[in-house]
Amino acid sequence: MSEIFKQTTDRAVAAREAGVTWTIRAWSELDCEALYAILAARSAVFVVEQDCPYQDLDGLDRHGIHLLATASDGSALAYARLLPAGLRFKEPSIGRVLTTDLARGQGLGRRLMQRCLDEARQRYPGQSIRISAQQYLERFYQNLGFVTVSEPYDEDGIAHIEMLAT
């Protein structure tokens, strides 16, 4: 068994935190319920709330590590995808970051990103982590240690910037 797979499997056990269950799973470890919760949340936030029809299923999910916070009923509260270097960017990257409408304003997004950064640093020691962030969230990501490394650009009708954390 590869070391990365073993690390992922060892971490697939959920951690509980004040009514929130956190899971970190590779694609092959996602069950139907978790996958449905992830895709439903991504669609609700990125397509419906942001009124942005785009091709969410980009073929990269199967290569990613999926960080998911769920409520007691299994619904997604927060989610992000960690991709290895060379898939989306030359560095490992965090993307598809979201907090659902019901979970906003509780610090869950910050905890999600801290978990993502911890996971990325453990899996990819010494490597910078790149994100493509919606520009209006620049200060949020700066407070997590990210530095803006690009001019604003349009992605699916929304202003984005690239940011790096070391």
N, C-alpha and C. Protein backbone atom coordinates (compact mmCIF):
# COMPACT_ATOMS: atom_id res chain seq x y z
N MET A 1 0.85 -1.17 0.00
CA MET A 1 0.00 0.00 0.00
C MET A 1 0.89 1.23 0.00
N SER A 2 0.61 2.19 -0.90
CA SER A 2 1.43 3.40 -0.94
C SER A 2 1.25 4.20 0.34
N GLU A 3 2.28 4.97 0.67
CA GLU A 3 2.22 5.78 1.91
C GLU A 3 1.12 6.82 1.85
N ILE A 4 0.93 7.46 0.69
CA ILE A 4 -0.13 8.46 0.56
C ILE A 4 -1.49 7.80 0.77
N PHE A 5 -1.72 6.64 0.14
CA PHE A 5 -3.00 5.96 0.32
C PHE A 5 -3.20 5.57 1.77
N LYS A 6 -2.14 5.06 2.42
CA LYS A 6 -2.25 4.68 3.83
C LYS A 6 -2.60 5.89 4.69
N GLN A 7 -1.95 7.04 4.42
CA GLN A 7 -2.27 8.24 5.18
C GLN A 7 -3.73 8.62 4.99
N THR A 8 -4.20 8.55 3.77
CA THR A 8 -5.58 8.90 3.49
C THR A 8 -6.52 7.95 4.21
N THR A 9 -6.27 6.67 4.11
CA THR A 9 -7.12 5.68 4.75
C THR A 9 -7.13 5.87 6.26
N ASP A 10 -5.97 6.11 6.85
CA ASP A 10 -5.90 6.33 8.29
C ASP A 10 -6.73 7.53 8.72
N ARG A 11 -6.89 8.52 7.84
CA ARG A 11 -7.59 9.74 8.20
C ARG A 11 -9.04 9.71 7.79
N ALA A 12 -9.51 8.67 7.12
CA ALA A 12 -10.89 8.63 6.65
C ALA A 12 -11.87 8.56 7.81
N VAL A 13 -11.41 8.23 8.98
CA VAL A 13 -12.26 8.22 10.16
C VAL A 13 -12.64 9.65 10.48
N ALA A 14 -13.90 9.88 10.75
CA ALA A 14 -14.40 11.23 10.98
C ALA A 14 -13.97 11.75 12.35
N ALA A 15 -13.75 13.05 12.40
CA ALA A 15 -13.48 13.74 13.66
C ALA A 15 -14.71 14.59 13.99
N ARG A 16 -15.14 14.58 15.23
CA ARG A 16 -16.33 15.34 15.62
C ARG A 16 -15.93 16.63 16.32
N GLU A 17 -16.68 17.67 16.03
CA GLU A 17 -16.40 18.99 16.60
C GLU A 17 -17.73 19.73 16.73
N ALA A 18 -18.23 19.88 17.93
CA ALA A 18 -19.42 20.68 18.22
C ALA A 18 -20.52 20.54 17.18
N GLY A 19 -21.05 19.34 17.00
CA GLY A 19 -22.15 19.11 16.07
C GLY A 19 -21.74 19.00 14.62
N VAL A 20 -20.44 19.07 14.34
CA VAL A 20 -19.92 18.98 12.99
C VAL A 20 -19.02 17.76 12.91
N THR A 21 -19.19 16.98 11.86
CA THR A 21 -18.31 15.85 11.62
C THR A 21 -17.41 16.20 10.44
N TRP A 22 -16.10 16.09 10.65
CA TRP A 22 -15.11 16.36 9.61
C TRP A 22 -14.59 15.05 9.05
N THR A 23 -14.51 14.96 7.74
CA THR A 23 -13.89 13.79 7.11
C THR A 23 -12.90 14.26 6.05
N ILE A 24 -11.85 13.48 5.91
CA ILE A 24 -10.85 13.69 4.87
C ILE A 24 -10.74 12.37 4.14
N ARG A 25 -11.10 12.40 2.86
CA ARG A 25 -11.13 11.14 2.10
C ARG A 25 -10.63 11.33 0.68
N ALA A 26 -9.98 10.29 0.20
CA ALA A 26 -9.64 10.21 -1.21
C ALA A 26 -10.92 9.88 -1.98
N TRP A 27 -10.89 10.11 -3.26
CA TRP A 27 -12.05 9.83 -4.13
C TRP A 27 -12.56 8.40 -3.94
N SER A 28 -11.66 7.44 -3.92
CA SER A 28 -12.05 6.04 -3.82
C SER A 28 -12.71 5.70 -2.49
N GLU A 29 -12.55 6.56 -1.50
CA GLU A 29 -13.13 6.33 -0.18
C GLU A 29 -14.48 7.02 0.03
N LEU A 30 -14.89 7.84 -0.92
CA LEU A 30 -16.17 8.52 -0.77
C LEU A 30 -17.32 7.55 -1.01
N ASP A 31 -18.23 7.48 -0.06
CA ASP A 31 -19.42 6.67 -0.29
C ASP A 31 -20.47 7.52 -1.03
N CYS A 32 -21.54 6.90 -1.44
CA CYS A 32 -22.57 7.60 -2.22
C CYS A 32 -23.16 8.78 -1.45
N GLU A 33 -23.38 8.62 -0.17
CA GLU A 33 -23.97 9.69 0.64
C GLU A 33 -23.04 10.90 0.71
N ALA A 34 -21.77 10.68 0.94
CA ALA A 34 -20.81 11.78 1.01
C ALA A 34 -20.68 12.46 -0.35
N LEU A 35 -20.58 11.67 -1.41
CA LEU A 35 -20.46 12.24 -2.75
C LEU A 35 -21.69 13.07 -3.09
N TYR A 36 -22.86 12.57 -2.76
CA TYR A 36 -24.10 13.32 -3.03
C TYR A 36 -24.09 14.64 -2.25
N ALA A 37 -23.70 14.61 -0.98
CA ALA A 37 -23.66 15.82 -0.16
C ALA A 37 -22.69 16.85 -0.76
N ILE A 38 -21.54 16.38 -1.22
CA ILE A 38 -20.53 17.26 -1.82
C ILE A 38 -21.08 17.90 -3.09
N LEU A 39 -21.60 17.08 -4.00
CA LEU A 39 -22.07 17.62 -5.28
C LEU A 39 -23.29 18.52 -5.10
N ALA A 40 -24.16 18.18 -4.15
CA ALA A 40 -25.33 19.03 -3.88
C ALA A 40 -24.88 20.39 -3.35
N ALA A 41 -23.91 20.39 -2.45
CA ALA A 41 -23.42 21.66 -1.89
C ALA A 41 -22.71 22.49 -2.97
N ARG A 42 -21.88 21.86 -3.78
CA ARG A 42 -21.19 22.58 -4.83
C ARG A 42 -22.19 23.21 -5.81
N SER A 43 -23.21 22.46 -6.16
CA SER A 43 -24.22 22.98 -7.07
C SER A 43 -24.99 24.13 -6.42
N ALA A 44 -25.39 23.97 -5.16
CA ALA A 44 -26.16 25.00 -4.47
C ALA A 44 -25.38 26.31 -4.36
N VAL A 45 -24.10 26.21 -4.02
CA VAL A 45 -23.30 27.42 -3.81
C VAL A 45 -22.81 28.01 -5.13
N PHE A 46 -22.13 27.21 -5.93
CA PHE A 46 -21.46 27.75 -7.10
C PHE A 46 -22.39 28.01 -8.28
N VAL A 47 -23.40 27.18 -8.47
CA VAL A 47 -24.28 27.34 -9.62
C VAL A 47 -25.50 28.18 -9.26
N VAL A 48 -26.21 27.80 -8.19
CA VAL A 48 -27.47 28.48 -7.86
C VAL A 48 -27.21 29.82 -7.17
N GLU A 49 -26.54 29.82 -6.01
CA GLU A 49 -26.33 31.06 -5.26
C GLU A 49 -25.55 32.09 -6.06
N GLN A 50 -24.49 31.66 -6.71
CA GLN A 50 -23.64 32.59 -7.45
C GLN A 50 -24.12 32.81 -8.88
N ASP A 51 -25.23 32.17 -9.22
CA ASP A 51 -25.83 32.32 -10.55
C ASP A 51 -24.76 32.18 -11.64
N CYS A 52 -24.04 31.06 -11.56
CA CYS A 52 -22.89 30.86 -12.42
C CYS A 52 -22.92 29.45 -13.02
N PRO A 53 -23.64 29.28 -14.12
CA PRO A 53 -23.63 27.96 -14.75
C PRO A 53 -22.25 27.66 -15.32
N TYR A 54 -21.64 26.60 -14.83
CA TYR A 54 -20.32 26.22 -15.31
C TYR A 54 -20.19 24.70 -15.15
N GLN A 55 -19.17 24.14 -15.76
CA GLN A 55 -18.94 22.70 -15.70
C GLN A 55 -18.17 22.35 -14.43
N ASP A 56 -18.89 22.06 -13.36
CA ASP A 56 -18.27 21.73 -12.08
C ASP A 56 -17.49 20.42 -12.15
N LEU A 57 -18.03 19.44 -12.80
CA LEU A 57 -17.38 18.13 -12.88
C LEU A 57 -16.28 18.20 -13.93
N ASP A 58 -15.07 18.49 -13.46
CA ASP A 58 -13.94 18.79 -14.33
C ASP A 58 -12.97 17.62 -14.52
N GLY A 59 -13.31 16.46 -13.98
CA GLY A 59 -12.44 15.30 -14.12
C GLY A 59 -11.32 15.23 -13.11
N LEU A 60 -11.21 16.22 -12.22
CA LEU A 60 -10.12 16.24 -11.25
C LEU A 60 -10.49 15.65 -9.90
N ASP A 61 -11.77 15.48 -9.63
CA ASP A 61 -12.20 14.97 -8.32
C ASP A 61 -11.55 13.63 -7.98
N ARG A 62 -11.41 12.77 -8.96
CA ARG A 62 -10.86 11.43 -8.67
C ARG A 62 -9.40 11.47 -8.25
N HIS A 63 -8.72 12.61 -8.48
CA HIS A 63 -7.32 12.75 -8.09
C HIS A 63 -7.15 13.50 -6.77
N GLY A 64 -8.26 13.98 -6.23
CA GLY A 64 -8.18 14.86 -5.07
C GLY A 64 -8.43 14.19 -3.74
N ILE A 65 -8.12 14.96 -2.72
CA ILE A 65 -8.47 14.63 -1.35
C ILE A 65 -9.62 15.57 -1.00
N HIS A 66 -10.67 15.03 -0.44
CA HIS A 66 -11.89 15.79 -0.20
C HIS A 66 -12.08 16.00 1.29
N LEU A 67 -12.17 17.26 1.69
CA LEU A 67 -12.38 17.64 3.08
C LEU A 67 -13.81 18.11 3.22
N LEU A 68 -14.55 17.46 4.10
CA LEU A 68 -15.98 17.70 4.19
C LEU A 68 -16.41 17.83 5.65
N ALA A 69 -17.18 18.86 5.93
CA ALA A 69 -17.82 19.03 7.23
C ALA A 69 -19.30 18.78 7.03
N THR A 70 -19.86 17.88 7.83
CA THR A 70 -21.29 17.56 7.70
C THR A 70 -22.02 17.78 9.02
N ALA A 71 -23.31 18.01 8.88
CA ALA A 71 -24.21 18.12 10.03
C ALA A 71 -24.63 16.71 10.43
N SER A 72 -25.37 16.60 11.52
CA SER A 72 -25.79 15.28 12.01
C SER A 72 -26.67 14.53 11.01
N ASP A 73 -27.35 15.26 10.12
CA ASP A 73 -28.19 14.59 9.11
C ASP A 73 -27.42 14.21 7.85
N GLY A 74 -26.11 14.47 7.84
CA GLY A 74 -25.27 14.12 6.69
C GLY A 74 -25.15 15.20 5.65
N SER A 75 -25.87 16.30 5.81
CA SER A 75 -25.78 17.37 4.81
C SER A 75 -24.46 18.11 4.95
N ALA A 76 -23.96 18.57 3.83
CA ALA A 76 -22.67 19.27 3.81
C ALA A 76 -22.82 20.66 4.41
N LEU A 77 -21.85 21.03 5.23
CA LEU A 77 -21.78 22.38 5.80
C LEU A 77 -20.62 23.16 5.18
N ALA A 78 -19.53 22.47 4.91
CA ALA A 78 -18.35 23.09 4.30
C ALA A 78 -17.60 22.01 3.54
N TYR A 79 -16.87 22.43 2.52
CA TYR A 79 -16.18 21.47 1.67
C TYR A 79 -15.02 22.15 0.95
N ALA A 80 -13.98 21.40 0.67
CA ALA A 80 -12.88 21.83 -0.20
C ALA A 80 -12.19 20.61 -0.78
N ARG A 81 -11.50 20.84 -1.88
CA ARG A 81 -10.79 19.77 -2.58
C ARG A 81 -9.31 20.13 -2.65
N LEU A 82 -8.47 19.20 -2.28
CA LEU A 82 -7.02 19.36 -2.33
C LEU A 82 -6.51 18.52 -3.50
N LEU A 83 -5.79 19.17 -4.41
CA LEU A 83 -5.24 18.48 -5.58
C LEU A 83 -3.73 18.48 -5.53
N PRO A 84 -3.11 17.39 -5.98
CA PRO A 84 -1.64 17.35 -6.03
C PRO A 84 -1.08 18.29 -7.10
N ALA A 85 0.20 18.56 -7.00
CA ALA A 85 0.88 19.41 -7.97
C ALA A 85 0.74 18.83 -9.37
N GLY A 86 0.65 19.73 -10.35
CA GLY A 86 0.64 19.32 -11.74
C GLY A 86 -0.72 19.04 -12.33
N LEU A 87 -1.78 19.10 -11.54
CA LEU A 87 -3.11 18.86 -12.10
C LEU A 87 -3.77 20.17 -12.52
N ARG A 88 -3.98 21.05 -11.60
CA ARG A 88 -4.58 22.35 -11.92
C ARG A 88 -3.49 23.41 -12.04
N PHE A 89 -2.55 23.37 -11.12
CA PHE A 89 -1.42 24.30 -11.09
C PHE A 89 -0.15 23.50 -10.92
N LYS A 90 1.00 24.15 -11.07
CA LYS A 90 2.25 23.43 -10.87
C LYS A 90 2.44 23.07 -9.40
N GLU A 91 1.82 23.84 -8.49
CA GLU A 91 1.86 23.54 -7.05
C GLU A 91 0.62 22.74 -6.66
N PRO A 92 0.65 22.08 -5.50
CA PRO A 92 -0.59 21.53 -4.95
C PRO A 92 -1.58 22.68 -4.78
N SER A 93 -2.87 22.37 -4.88
CA SER A 93 -3.85 23.45 -4.82
C SER A 93 -5.07 23.05 -4.00
N ILE A 94 -5.72 24.07 -3.49
CA ILE A 94 -6.99 23.92 -2.77
C ILE A 94 -8.03 24.63 -3.61
N GLY A 95 -9.15 23.95 -3.83
CA GLY A 95 -10.21 24.56 -4.63
C GLY A 95 -11.58 24.05 -4.24
N ARG A 96 -12.58 24.56 -4.96
CA ARG A 96 -13.98 24.22 -4.71
C ARG A 96 -14.35 24.49 -3.24
N VAL A 97 -13.74 25.52 -2.66
CA VAL A 97 -13.94 25.85 -1.25
C VAL A 97 -15.32 26.48 -1.08
N LEU A 98 -16.09 25.94 -0.13
CA LEU A 98 -17.42 26.49 0.12
C LEU A 98 -17.86 26.28 1.56
N THR A 99 -18.73 27.16 1.98
CA THR A 99 -19.50 27.00 3.21
C THR A 99 -20.94 27.19 2.79
N THR A 100 -21.82 26.28 3.18
CA THR A 100 -23.22 26.39 2.77
C THR A 100 -23.90 27.53 3.51
N ASP A 101 -25.00 27.98 2.96
CA ASP A 101 -25.74 29.11 3.49
C ASP A 101 -26.06 28.95 4.98
N LEU A 102 -26.50 27.77 5.38
CA LEU A 102 -26.89 27.53 6.77
C LEU A 102 -25.71 27.56 7.74
N ALA A 103 -24.51 27.38 7.24
CA ALA A 103 -23.34 27.27 8.12
C ALA A 103 -22.48 28.54 8.14
N ARG A 104 -22.83 29.53 7.37
CA ARG A 104 -22.00 30.74 7.29
C ARG A 104 -22.06 31.56 8.57
N GLY A 105 -20.99 32.29 8.81
CA GLY A 105 -20.93 33.18 9.96
C GLY A 105 -20.56 32.50 11.27
N GLN A 106 -20.11 31.25 11.20
CA GLN A 106 -19.76 30.49 12.40
C GLN A 106 -18.27 30.14 12.46
N GLY A 107 -17.50 30.67 11.52
CA GLY A 107 -16.07 30.38 11.50
C GLY A 107 -15.72 29.05 10.85
N LEU A 108 -16.70 28.41 10.25
CA LEU A 108 -16.46 27.10 9.64
C LEU A 108 -15.54 27.20 8.42
N GLY A 109 -15.65 28.26 7.65
CA GLY A 109 -14.79 28.44 6.48
C GLY A 109 -13.32 28.55 6.88
N ARG A 110 -13.06 29.28 7.95
CA ARG A 110 -11.69 29.42 8.46
C ARG A 110 -11.18 28.07 8.94
N ARG A 111 -11.99 27.34 9.68
CA ARG A 111 -11.56 26.01 10.17
C ARG A 111 -11.32 25.06 9.00
N LEU A 112 -12.17 25.14 7.99
CA LEU A 112 -11.99 24.31 6.80
C LEU A 112 -10.64 24.61 6.14
N MET A 113 -10.35 25.86 5.93
CA MET A 113 -9.09 26.23 5.27
C MET A 113 -7.88 25.87 6.13
N GLN A 114 -7.99 26.00 7.43
CA GLN A 114 -6.88 25.59 8.30
C GLN A 114 -6.65 24.10 8.19
N ARG A 115 -7.72 23.32 8.13
CA ARG A 115 -7.59 21.86 7.94
C ARG A 115 -6.97 21.56 6.58
N CYS A 116 -7.39 22.28 5.55
CA CYS A 116 -6.83 22.09 4.21
C CYS A 116 -5.33 22.37 4.20
N LEU A 117 -4.94 23.48 4.81
CA LEU A 117 -3.53 23.83 4.85
C LEU A 117 -2.72 22.81 5.65
N ASP A 118 -3.26 22.36 6.77
CA ASP A 118 -2.57 21.33 7.55
C ASP A 118 -2.40 20.06 6.73
N GLU A 119 -3.45 19.65 6.05
CA GLU A 119 -3.41 18.43 5.22
C GLU A 119 -2.41 18.60 4.08
N ALA A 120 -2.44 19.75 3.43
CA ALA A 120 -1.53 20.01 2.31
C ALA A 120 -0.08 20.01 2.78
N ARG A 121 0.18 20.62 3.91
CA ARG A 121 1.56 20.68 4.41
C ARG A 121 2.06 19.31 4.83
N GLN A 122 1.16 18.47 5.31
CA GLN A 122 1.57 17.11 5.68
C GLN A 122 1.84 16.28 4.42
N ARG A 123 1.01 16.39 3.42
CA ARG A 123 1.16 15.60 2.20
C ARG A 123 2.25 16.13 1.28
N TYR A 124 2.42 17.45 1.27
CA TYR A 124 3.35 18.08 0.33
C TYR A 124 4.30 19.01 1.09
N PRO A 125 5.12 18.45 1.98
CA PRO A 125 5.99 19.30 2.81
C PRO A 125 6.93 20.17 1.97
N GLY A 126 7.07 21.41 2.40
CA GLY A 126 7.98 22.33 1.75
C GLY A 126 7.46 22.94 0.46
N GLN A 127 6.26 22.57 0.03
CA GLN A 127 5.71 23.10 -1.21
C GLN A 127 4.71 24.21 -0.92
N SER A 128 4.70 25.22 -1.76
CA SER A 128 3.69 26.27 -1.67
C SER A 128 2.34 25.68 -2.11
N ILE A 129 1.28 26.27 -1.62
CA ILE A 129 -0.08 25.85 -1.96
C ILE A 129 -0.73 27.00 -2.72
N ARG A 130 -1.30 26.71 -3.88
CA ARG A 130 -1.91 27.74 -4.72
C ARG A 130 -3.43 27.61 -4.66
N ILE A 131 -4.09 28.77 -4.69
CA ILE A 131 -5.54 28.82 -4.82
C ILE A 131 -5.91 29.83 -5.90
N SER A 132 -7.05 29.63 -6.50
CA SER A 132 -7.68 30.61 -7.36
C SER A 132 -8.86 31.12 -6.56
N ALA A 133 -8.71 32.30 -5.97
CA ALA A 133 -9.70 32.82 -5.01
C ALA A 133 -10.59 33.87 -5.65
N GLN A 134 -11.84 33.88 -5.25
CA GLN A 134 -12.69 34.98 -5.65
C GLN A 134 -12.10 36.25 -5.02
N GLN A 135 -11.96 37.28 -5.82
CA GLN A 135 -11.23 38.46 -5.38
C GLN A 135 -11.82 39.09 -4.12
N TYR A 136 -13.12 39.03 -3.94
CA TYR A 136 -13.70 39.67 -2.76
C TYR A 136 -13.30 38.96 -1.47
N LEU A 137 -12.73 37.75 -1.56
CA LEU A 137 -12.28 37.00 -0.38
C LEU A 137 -10.77 37.14 -0.15
N GLU A 138 -10.14 38.07 -0.84
CA GLU A 138 -8.69 38.23 -0.74
C GLU A 138 -8.24 38.41 0.71
N ARG A 139 -8.88 39.27 1.46
CA ARG A 139 -8.46 39.53 2.85
C ARG A 139 -8.63 38.27 3.71
N PHE A 140 -9.71 37.53 3.51
CA PHE A 140 -9.93 36.27 4.24
C PHE A 140 -8.73 35.34 4.05
N TYR A 141 -8.31 35.16 2.81
CA TYR A 141 -7.19 34.26 2.52
C TYR A 141 -5.86 34.86 2.99
N GLN A 142 -5.70 36.17 2.91
CA GLN A 142 -4.49 36.79 3.42
C GLN A 142 -4.34 36.51 4.92
N ASN A 143 -5.44 36.54 5.64
CA ASN A 143 -5.40 36.27 7.08
C ASN A 143 -5.03 34.82 7.39
N LEU A 144 -5.09 33.95 6.38
CA LEU A 144 -4.68 32.55 6.53
C LEU A 144 -3.26 32.33 6.02
N GLY A 145 -2.59 33.40 5.63
CA GLY A 145 -1.20 33.30 5.19
C GLY A 145 -0.98 33.28 3.70
N PHE A 146 -2.03 33.49 2.90
CA PHE A 146 -1.87 33.52 1.45
C PHE A 146 -1.43 34.91 1.00
N VAL A 147 -0.66 34.93 -0.08
CA VAL A 147 -0.17 36.17 -0.69
C VAL A 147 -0.69 36.20 -2.12
N THR A 148 -1.19 37.34 -2.53
CA THR A 148 -1.70 37.51 -3.90
C THR A 148 -0.54 37.51 -4.88
N VAL A 149 -0.65 36.69 -5.94
CA VAL A 149 0.44 36.57 -6.91
C VAL A 149 -0.01 36.81 -8.35
N SER A 150 -1.22 37.32 -8.53
CA SER A 150 -1.68 37.62 -9.88
C SER A 150 -2.56 38.86 -9.87
N GLU A 151 -2.73 39.40 -11.03
CA GLU A 151 -3.72 40.45 -11.22
C GLU A 151 -5.10 39.77 -11.26
N PRO A 152 -6.16 40.53 -11.00
CA PRO A 152 -7.50 39.93 -11.12
C PRO A 152 -7.76 39.43 -12.54
N TYR A 153 -8.50 38.34 -12.63
CA TYR A 153 -8.90 37.79 -13.91
C TYR A 153 -10.32 37.24 -13.78
N ASP A 154 -10.96 37.11 -14.91
CA ASP A 154 -12.35 36.63 -14.93
C ASP A 154 -12.36 35.11 -15.04
N GLU A 155 -13.09 34.48 -14.16
CA GLU A 155 -13.32 33.04 -14.24
C GLU A 155 -14.82 32.81 -14.07
N ASP A 156 -15.45 32.40 -15.13
CA ASP A 156 -16.89 32.14 -15.14
C ASP A 156 -17.70 33.36 -14.70
N GLY A 157 -17.25 34.55 -15.11
CA GLY A 157 -17.98 35.77 -14.81
C GLY A 157 -17.74 36.35 -13.43
N ILE A 158 -16.77 35.79 -12.68
CA ILE A 158 -16.46 36.25 -11.33
C ILE A 158 -14.98 36.62 -11.27
N ALA A 159 -14.67 37.78 -10.68
CA ALA A 159 -13.27 38.21 -10.56
C ALA A 159 -12.53 37.30 -9.59
N HIS A 160 -11.41 36.77 -10.03
CA HIS A 160 -10.55 35.87 -9.24
C HIS A 160 -9.12 36.41 -9.19
N ILE A 161 -8.36 35.92 -8.25
CA ILE A 161 -6.94 36.16 -8.14
C ILE A 161 -6.26 34.86 -7.73
N GLU A 162 -5.01 34.69 -8.14
CA GLU A 162 -4.25 33.55 -7.66
C GLU A 162 -3.48 33.97 -6.43
N MET A 163 -3.40 33.06 -5.46
CA MET A 163 -2.72 33.33 -4.19
C MET A 163 -1.89 32.11 -3.82
N LEU A 164 -0.79 32.36 -3.10
CA LEU A 164 0.10 31.28 -2.65
C LEU A 164 0.28 31.35 -1.14
N ALA A 165 0.34 30.19 -0.53
CA ALA A 165 0.72 30.08 0.88
C ALA A 165 1.95 29.17 0.93
N THR A 166 2.90 29.52 1.78
CA THR A 166 4.11 28.71 1.91
C THR A 166 4.08 27.91 3.19
